[in-house]
Amino acid sequence: MPLWAIVPELTLASAFLLLLVAAPFTSPRTTRAVYVSATAVLLVAAAFTVRMLPWSDQNVFEGRTDSID
């Protein structure tokens, strides 16, 4: 599986999980740093996505379309 195809999703998931863990331990004065970090993560994921726009379509998960029933 080409991991480059899911880098934006991996970036968002891992960074926001870290932010969810770190946010309760920040003081009210440093809460702004959490907001700035979240915005930076969104911008990085958007940059990865824009970089991938000219790529051709590809099946990332082996073309499986079955649902869990």
Protein backbone atom coordinates (compact mmCIF):
# COMPACT_ATOMS: atom_id res chain seq x y z
CA MET A 1 0.00 0.00 0.00
CA PRO A 2 1.49 3.38 -0.95
CA LEU A 3 1.51 5.34 2.27
CA TRP A 4 1.92 8.64 0.42
CA ALA A 5 -1.69 8.34 -0.63
CA ILE A 6 -2.93 8.56 2.97
CA VAL A 7 -0.39 11.02 4.41
CA PRO A 8 -2.95 13.84 4.90
CA GLU A 9 -5.23 11.53 6.88
CA LEU A 10 -2.35 10.15 8.92
CA THR A 11 -1.15 13.67 9.65
CA LEU A 12 -4.56 14.80 10.87
CA ALA A 13 -5.27 11.71 12.92
CA SER A 14 -1.92 11.50 14.68
CA ALA A 15 -1.56 15.22 15.37
CA PHE A 16 -5.06 15.69 16.71
CA LEU A 17 -4.76 12.62 18.92
CA LEU A 18 -1.62 14.16 20.39
CA LEU A 19 -3.38 17.51 20.81
CA LEU A 20 -6.33 15.85 22.55
CA VAL A 21 -3.94 14.28 25.03
CA ALA A 22 -1.91 17.46 25.56
CA ALA A 23 -4.77 19.98 25.76
CA PRO A 24 -6.00 19.14 29.29
CA PHE A 25 -2.50 19.66 30.66
CA THR A 26 -2.05 23.16 29.29
CA SER A 27 -2.57 26.18 31.45
CA PRO A 28 -5.06 28.87 30.41
CA ARG A 29 -2.14 31.05 29.31
CA THR A 30 -0.84 28.41 26.89
CA THR A 31 -4.19 27.34 25.47
CA ARG A 32 -3.49 29.57 22.50
CA ALA A 33 -0.56 27.30 21.61
CA VAL A 34 -2.99 24.40 21.22
CA TYR A 35 -5.12 26.45 18.82
CA VAL A 36 -2.07 27.54 16.83
CA SER A 37 -0.84 23.93 16.68
CA ALA A 38 -4.23 22.70 15.45
CA THR A 39 -4.29 25.37 12.76
CA ALA A 40 -0.75 24.47 11.71
CA VAL A 41 -1.71 20.81 11.42
CA LEU A 42 -4.66 21.71 9.21
CA LEU A 43 -2.42 23.80 6.98
CA VAL A 44 0.17 21.01 6.69
CA ALA A 45 -2.52 18.47 5.80
CA ALA A 46 -3.95 20.89 3.24
CA ALA A 47 -0.48 21.35 1.74
CA PHE A 48 -0.07 17.58 1.43
CA THR A 49 -3.49 17.36 -0.22
CA VAL A 50 -2.75 20.17 -2.70
CA ARG A 51 0.56 18.52 -3.54
CA MET A 52 -1.31 15.30 -4.40
CA LEU A 53 -3.95 16.89 -6.66
CA PRO A 54 -2.13 16.27 -9.97
CA TRP A 55 -1.63 12.59 -9.15
CA SER A 56 -3.64 10.00 -11.02
CA ASP A 57 -6.32 8.01 -9.22
CA GLN A 58 -5.16 4.92 -7.41
CA ASN A 59 -6.63 2.23 -5.19
CA VAL A 60 -5.11 2.61 -1.77
CA PHE A 61 -6.85 -0.20 0.07
CA GLU A 62 -6.61 -2.82 -2.68
CA GLY A 63 -9.85 -1.68 -4.31
CA ARG A 64 -12.07 -3.24 -1.67
CA THR A 65 -15.57 -1.84 -1.67
CA ASP A 66 -17.33 -4.41 0.51
CA SER A 67 -19.12 -3.09 3.56
CA ILE A 68 -19.23 -4.45 7.05
CA ASP A 69 -22.64 -6.00 7.57
